[in-house]
């Protein structure tokens, strides 16, 4: 649910659980830019 962004403390990120395929990672980044109204 990309529209429910929350900040978390980096100390809670204790282990990596996997990786996203490149195409999904690109899509997530594009959607975050739209939701956060960011420009390149």
Protein backbone atom coordinates (compact mmCIF):
# COMPACT_ATOMS: atom_id res chain seq x y z
CA UNK A 1 0.00 0.00 0.00
CA UNK A 2 2.30 2.65 -1.32
CA UNK A 3 -0.12 5.45 -0.41
CA UNK A 4 0.37 4.75 3.32
CA UNK A 5 4.00 5.84 3.71
CA UNK A 6 5.42 5.90 7.23
CA UNK A 7 8.81 6.81 8.63
CA UNK A 8 10.60 4.17 10.67
CA UNK A 9 13.81 4.21 12.67
CA UNK A 10 16.69 2.69 10.67
CA UNK A 11 17.63 0.65 13.75
CA UNK A 12 14.51 -1.44 13.10
CA UNK A 13 15.95 -2.53 9.74
CA UNK A 14 18.01 -5.41 11.08
CA UNK A 15 18.20 -7.84 8.17
CA UNK A 16 17.59 -7.93 4.46
CA UNK A 17 14.77 -10.29 3.54
CA UNK A 18 15.03 -10.18 -0.24
CA UNK A 19 15.23 -8.07 -3.37
CA UNK A 20 12.70 -6.69 -5.79
CA UNK A 21 12.96 -7.37 -9.49
CA UNK A 22 14.22 -4.31 -11.37
CA UNK A 23 10.90 -3.64 -13.09
CA UNK A 24 8.96 -3.62 -9.79
CA UNK A 25 11.60 -1.46 -8.10
CA UNK A 26 11.33 1.07 -10.94
CA UNK A 27 7.54 1.09 -10.65
CA UNK A 28 7.70 1.66 -6.86
CA UNK A 29 10.12 4.57 -7.33
CA UNK A 30 7.90 6.16 -10.00
CA UNK A 31 4.82 5.85 -7.80
CA UNK A 32 6.64 7.35 -4.80
CA UNK A 33 7.60 10.34 -6.94
CA UNK A 34 3.95 10.84 -7.86
CA UNK A 35 2.65 10.45 -4.30
CA UNK A 36 5.35 12.69 -2.79
CA UNK A 37 5.05 15.19 -5.66
CA UNK A 38 8.76 14.99 -6.44
CA UNK A 39 10.39 16.00 -9.68
CA UNK A 40 13.59 14.60 -11.11
